[in-house]
Amino acid sequence: DTAVEGIIKAAHTGKIGDGKIFVS
């Protein structure tokens, strides 16, 4: 959970194409 939150905060620009995260 903390890793996903960290990735979201770091990768977020607010524009289309920011990306996706997959957890398996």
PDB file of all heavy atoms in Angstrom:
ATOM      1  N   ASP A   1       0.819  -1.218   0.000  1.00  0.00           N
ATOM      2  CA  ASP A   1       0.000   0.000   0.000  1.00  0.00           C
ATOM      3  C   ASP A   1       0.850   1.264   0.000  1.00  0.00           C
ATOM      4  O   ASP A   1       0.575   2.205  -0.755  1.00  0.00           O
ATOM      5  CB  ASP A   1      -0.963   0.003   1.191  1.00  0.00           C
ATOM      6  CG  ASP A   1      -2.031  -1.077   1.068  1.00  0.00           C
ATOM      7  OD1 ASP A   1      -2.335  -1.486  -0.074  1.00  0.00           O
ATOM      8  OD2 ASP A   1      -2.565  -1.505   2.106  1.00  0.00           O
ATOM      9  N   THR A   2       1.892   1.301   0.821  1.00  0.00           N
ATOM     10  CA  THR A   2       2.726   2.505   0.861  1.00  0.00           C
ATOM     11  C   THR A   2       3.526   2.665  -0.431  1.00  0.00           C
ATOM     12  O   THR A   2       3.750   3.785  -0.887  1.00  0.00           O
ATOM     13  CB  THR A   2       3.677   2.493   2.074  1.00  0.00           C
ATOM     14  OG1 THR A   2       4.395   1.262   2.091  1.00  0.00           O
ATOM     15  CG2 THR A   2       2.914   2.649   3.372  1.00  0.00           C
ATOM     16  N   ALA A   3       3.955   1.547  -1.028  1.00  0.00           N
ATOM     17  CA  ALA A   3       4.687   1.628  -2.292  1.00  0.00           C
ATOM     18  C   ALA A   3       3.793   2.154  -3.404  1.00  0.00           C
ATOM     19  O   ALA A   3       4.206   3.011  -4.196  1.00  0.00           O
ATOM     20  CB  ALA A   3       5.255   0.256  -2.667  1.00  0.00           C
ATOM     21  N   VAL A   4       2.561   1.664  -3.471  1.00  0.00           N
ATOM     22  CA  VAL A   4       1.618   2.133  -4.495  1.00  0.00           C
ATOM     23  C   VAL A   4       1.332   3.621  -4.301  1.00  0.00           C
ATOM     24  O   VAL A   4       1.332   4.392  -5.268  1.00  0.00           O
ATOM     25  CB  VAL A   4       0.322   1.289  -4.472  1.00  0.00           C
ATOM     26  CG1 VAL A   4      -0.763   1.942  -5.310  1.00  0.00           C
ATOM     27  CG2 VAL A   4       0.596  -0.120  -4.960  1.00  0.00           C
ATOM     28  N   GLU A   5       1.111   4.037  -3.058  1.00  0.00           N
ATOM     29  CA  GLU A   5       0.872   5.463  -2.786  1.00  0.00           C
ATOM     30  C   GLU A   5       2.077   6.307  -3.190  1.00  0.00           C
ATOM     31  O   GLU A   5       1.926   7.393  -3.765  1.00  0.00           O
ATOM     32  CB  GLU A   5       0.565   5.668  -1.301  1.00  0.00           C
ATOM     33  CG  GLU A   5      -0.799   5.171  -0.884  1.00  0.00           C
ATOM     34  CD  GLU A   5      -0.997   5.222   0.625  1.00  0.00           C
ATOM     35  OE1 GLU A   5      -0.262   5.978   1.316  1.00  0.00           O
ATOM     36  OE2 GLU A   5      -1.877   4.505   1.114  1.00  0.00           O
ATOM     37  N   GLY A   6       3.278   5.818  -2.902  1.00  0.00           N
ATOM     38  CA  GLY A   6       4.495   6.539  -3.280  1.00  0.00           C
ATOM     39  C   GLY A   6       4.645   6.677  -4.779  1.00  0.00           C
ATOM     40  O   GLY A   6       5.016   7.742  -5.283  1.00  0.00           O
ATOM     41  N   ILE A   7       4.334   5.610  -5.512  1.00  0.00           N
ATOM     42  CA  ILE A   7       4.411   5.657  -6.973  1.00  0.00           C
ATOM     43  C   ILE A   7       3.393   6.641  -7.525  1.00  0.00           C
ATOM     44  O   ILE A   7       3.697   7.442  -8.416  1.00  0.00           O
ATOM     45  CB  ILE A   7       4.208   4.257  -7.584  1.00  0.00           C
ATOM     46  CG1 ILE A   7       5.372   3.336  -7.216  1.00  0.00           C
ATOM     47  CG2 ILE A   7       4.062   4.338  -9.108  1.00  0.00           C
ATOM     48  CD1 ILE A   7       5.141   1.872  -7.535  1.00  0.00           C
ATOM     49  N   ILE A   8       2.182   6.598  -6.992  1.00  0.00           N
ATOM     50  CA  ILE A   8       1.132   7.512  -7.466  1.00  0.00           C
ATOM     51  C   ILE A   8       1.549   8.961  -7.255  1.00  0.00           C
ATOM     52  O   ILE A   8       1.445   9.796  -8.162  1.00  0.00           O
ATOM     53  CB  ILE A   8      -0.207   7.219  -6.767  1.00  0.00           C
ATOM     54  CG1 ILE A   8      -0.767   5.880  -7.252  1.00  0.00           C
ATOM     55  CG2 ILE A   8      -1.209   8.343  -7.024  1.00  0.00           C
ATOM     56  CD1 ILE A   8      -1.963   5.389  -6.459  1.00  0.00           C
ATOM     57  N   LYS A   9       2.056   9.285  -6.059  1.00  0.00           N
ATOM     58  CA  LYS A   9       2.466  10.666  -5.781  1.00  0.00           C
ATOM     59  C   LYS A   9       3.608  11.102  -6.681  1.00  0.00           C
ATOM     60  O   LYS A   9       3.636  12.226  -7.168  1.00  0.00           O
ATOM     61  CB  LYS A   9       2.883  10.806  -4.311  1.00  0.00           C
ATOM     62  CG  LYS A   9       1.728  10.834  -3.354  1.00  0.00           C
ATOM     63  CD  LYS A   9       2.216  10.989  -1.930  1.00  0.00           C
ATOM     64  CE  LYS A   9       1.043  10.859  -0.966  1.00  0.00           C
ATOM     65  NZ  LYS A   9       1.493  10.794   0.436  1.00  0.00           N
ATOM     66  N   ALA A  10       4.568  10.202  -6.907  1.00  0.00           N
ATOM     67  CA  ALA A  10       5.746  10.554  -7.700  1.00  0.00           C
ATOM     68  C   ALA A  10       5.445  10.656  -9.191  1.00  0.00           C
ATOM     69  O   ALA A  10       6.030  11.472  -9.894  1.00  0.00           O
ATOM     70  CB  ALA A  10       6.852   9.533  -7.460  1.00  0.00           C
ATOM     71  N   ALA A  11       4.529   9.826  -9.702  1.00  0.00           N
ATOM     72  CA  ALA A  11       4.275   9.767 -11.144  1.00  0.00           C
ATOM     73  C   ALA A  11       3.134  10.673 -11.597  1.00  0.00           C
ATOM     74  O   ALA A  11       2.941  10.872 -12.788  1.00  0.00           O
ATOM     75  CB  ALA A  11       3.978   8.331 -11.568  1.00  0.00           C
ATOM     76  N   HIS A  12       2.397  11.244 -10.667  1.00  0.00           N
ATOM     77  CA  HIS A  12       1.207  12.025 -11.009  1.00  0.00           C
ATOM     78  C   HIS A  12       1.544  13.372 -11.630  1.00  0.00           C
ATOM     79  O   HIS A  12       2.367  14.120 -11.109  1.00  0.00           O
ATOM     80  CB  HIS A  12       0.373  12.249  -9.738  1.00  0.00           C
ATOM     81  CG  HIS A  12      -0.891  12.999  -9.979  1.00  0.00           C
ATOM     82  ND1 HIS A  12      -0.974  14.354  -9.813  1.00  0.00           N
ATOM     83  CD2 HIS A  12      -2.102  12.580 -10.394  1.00  0.00           C
ATOM     84  CE1 HIS A  12      -2.197  14.745 -10.106  1.00  0.00           C
ATOM     85  NE2 HIS A  12      -2.907  13.686 -10.462  1.00  0.00           N
ATOM     86  N   THR A  13       0.939  13.669 -12.767  1.00  0.00           N
ATOM     87  CA  THR A  13       1.030  15.004 -13.373  1.00  0.00           C
ATOM     88  C   THR A  13      -0.351  15.623 -13.506  1.00  0.00           C
ATOM     89  O   THR A  13      -0.478  16.817 -13.725  1.00  0.00           O
ATOM     90  CB  THR A  13       1.670  14.965 -14.785  1.00  0.00           C
ATOM     91  OG1 THR A  13       0.797  14.271 -15.676  1.00  0.00           O
ATOM     92  CG2 THR A  13       3.036  14.319 -14.762  1.00  0.00           C
ATOM     93  N   GLY A  14      -1.384  14.783 -13.441  1.00  0.00           N
ATOM     94  CA  GLY A  14      -2.751  15.268 -13.601  1.00  0.00           C
ATOM     95  C   GLY A  14      -3.206  15.294 -15.048  1.00  0.00           C
ATOM     96  O   GLY A  14      -4.327  15.683 -15.346  1.00  0.00           O
ATOM     97  N   LYS A  15      -2.336  14.873 -15.951  1.00  0.00           N
ATOM     98  CA  LYS A  15      -2.673  14.885 -17.373  1.00  0.00           C
ATOM     99  C   LYS A  15      -2.877  13.462 -17.864  1.00  0.00           C
ATOM    100  O   LYS A  15      -2.387  12.503 -17.267  1.00  0.00           O
ATOM    101  CB  LYS A  15      -1.568  15.567 -18.166  1.00  0.00           C
ATOM    102  CG  LYS A  15      -1.400  17.024 -17.783  1.00  0.00           C
ATOM    103  CD  LYS A  15      -0.464  17.724 -18.716  1.00  0.00           C
ATOM    104  CE  LYS A  15      -0.539  19.199 -18.426  1.00  0.00           C
ATOM    105  NZ  LYS A  15       0.673  19.769 -17.950  1.00  0.00           N
ATOM    106  N   ILE A  16      -3.564  13.335 -18.975  1.00  0.00           N
ATOM    107  CA  ILE A  16      -3.796  12.023 -19.564  1.00  0.00           C
ATOM    108  C   ILE A  16      -2.452  11.377 -19.897  1.00  0.00           C
ATOM    109  O   ILE A  16      -1.508  12.057 -20.291  1.00  0.00           O
ATOM    110  CB  ILE A  16      -4.713  12.136 -20.806  1.00  0.00           C
ATOM    111  CG1 ILE A  16      -5.236  10.778 -21.217  1.00  0.00           C
ATOM    112  CG2 ILE A  16      -4.011  12.840 -21.932  1.00  0.00           C
ATOM    113  CD1 ILE A  16      -6.393  10.843 -22.197  1.00  0.00           C
ATOM    114  N   GLY A  17      -2.350  10.071 -19.680  1.00  0.00           N
ATOM    115  CA  GLY A  17      -1.115   9.361 -19.969  1.00  0.00           C
ATOM    116  C   GLY A  17      -0.183   9.222 -18.790  1.00  0.00           C
ATOM    117  O   GLY A  17       0.973   8.838 -18.958  1.00  0.00           O
ATOM    118  N   ASP A  18      -0.651   9.513 -17.575  1.00  0.00           N
ATOM    119  CA  ASP A  18       0.192   9.360 -16.384  1.00  0.00           C
ATOM    120  C   ASP A  18       0.614   7.915 -16.174  1.00  0.00           C
ATOM    121  O   ASP A  18       1.658   7.662 -15.605  1.00  0.00           O
ATOM    122  CB  ASP A  18      -0.536   9.857 -15.131  1.00  0.00           C
ATOM    123  CG  ASP A  18      -0.324  11.343 -14.907  1.00  0.00           C
ATOM    124  OD1 ASP A  18       0.459  11.960 -15.646  1.00  0.00           O
ATOM    125  OD2 ASP A  18      -0.948  11.878 -13.976  1.00  0.00           O
ATOM    126  N   GLY A  19      -0.196   6.959 -16.617  1.00  0.00           N
ATOM    127  CA  GLY A  19       0.200   5.561 -16.533  1.00  0.00           C
ATOM    128  C   GLY A  19      -0.737   4.716 -15.707  1.00  0.00           C
ATOM    129  O   GLY A  19      -1.825   5.141 -15.309  1.00  0.00           O
ATOM    130  N   LYS A  20      -0.290   3.493 -15.426  1.00  0.00           N
ATOM    131  CA  LYS A  20      -1.079   2.536 -14.659  1.00  0.00           C
ATOM    132  C   LYS A  20      -0.162   1.762 -13.734  1.00  0.00           C
ATOM    133  O   LYS A  20       1.032   1.627 -13.974  1.00  0.00           O
ATOM    134  CB  LYS A  20      -1.775   1.547 -15.588  1.00  0.00           C
ATOM    135  CG  LYS A  20      -2.899   2.155 -16.396  1.00  0.00           C
ATOM    136  CD  LYS A  20      -3.989   1.118 -16.635  1.00  0.00           C
ATOM    137  CE  LYS A  20      -5.228   1.746 -17.192  1.00  0.00           C
ATOM    138  NZ  LYS A  20      -5.122   2.242 -18.528  1.00  0.00           N
ATOM    139  N   ILE A  21      -0.761   1.208 -12.677  1.00  0.00           N
ATOM    140  CA  ILE A  21      -0.048   0.349 -11.732  1.00  0.00           C
ATOM    141  C   ILE A  21      -0.783  -0.976 -11.664  1.00  0.00           C
ATOM    142  O   ILE A  21      -2.001  -1.001 -11.494  1.00  0.00           O
ATOM    143  CB  ILE A  21       0.029   0.992 -10.335  1.00  0.00           C
ATOM    144  CG1 ILE A  21       0.768   2.325 -10.404  1.00  0.00           C
ATOM    145  CG2 ILE A  21       0.696   0.042  -9.352  1.00  0.00           C
ATOM    146  CD1 ILE A  21       0.729   3.118  -9.116  1.00  0.00           C
ATOM    147  N   PHE A  22      -0.029  -2.054 -11.795  1.00  0.00           N
ATOM    148  CA  PHE A  22      -0.599  -3.400 -11.695  1.00  0.00           C
ATOM    149  C   PHE A  22       0.050  -4.095 -10.502  1.00  0.00           C
ATOM    150  O   PHE A  22       1.272  -4.078 -10.364  1.00  0.00           O
ATOM    151  CB  PHE A  22      -0.310  -4.213 -12.964  1.00  0.00           C
ATOM    152  CG  PHE A  22      -0.797  -3.551 -14.220  1.00  0.00           C
ATOM    153  CD1 PHE A  22       0.047  -2.758 -14.976  1.00  0.00           C
ATOM    154  CD2 PHE A  22      -2.106  -3.718 -14.641  1.00  0.00           C
ATOM    155  CE1 PHE A  22      -0.398  -2.139 -16.133  1.00  0.00           C
ATOM    156  CE2 PHE A  22      -2.559  -3.104 -15.806  1.00  0.00           C
ATOM    157  CZ  PHE A  22      -1.709  -2.315 -16.550  1.00  0.00           C
ATOM    158  N   VAL A  23      -0.762  -4.719  -9.647  1.00  0.00           N
ATOM    159  CA  VAL A  23      -0.259  -5.456  -8.492  1.00  0.00           C
ATOM    160  C   VAL A  23      -0.692  -6.905  -8.638  1.00  0.00           C
ATOM    161  O   VAL A  23      -1.876  -7.183  -8.823  1.00  0.00           O
ATOM    162  CB  VAL A  23      -0.801  -4.862  -7.172  1.00  0.00           C
ATOM    163  CG1 VAL A  23      -0.263  -5.649  -5.982  1.00  0.00           C
ATOM    164  CG2 VAL A  23      -0.459  -3.389  -7.053  1.00  0.00           C
ATOM    165  N   SER A  24       0.272  -7.818  -8.561  1.00  0.00           N
ATOM    166  CA  SER A  24      -0.048  -9.241  -8.678  1.00  0.00           C
ATOM    167  C   SER A  24       0.723 -10.039  -7.624  1.00  0.00           C
ATOM    168  O   SER A  24       1.744  -9.586  -7.104  1.00  0.00           O
ATOM    169  CB  SER A  24       0.268  -9.754 -10.086  1.00  0.00           C
ATOM    170  OG  SER A  24       1.597  -9.462 -10.426  1.00  0.00           O
TER     171      SER A  24
END
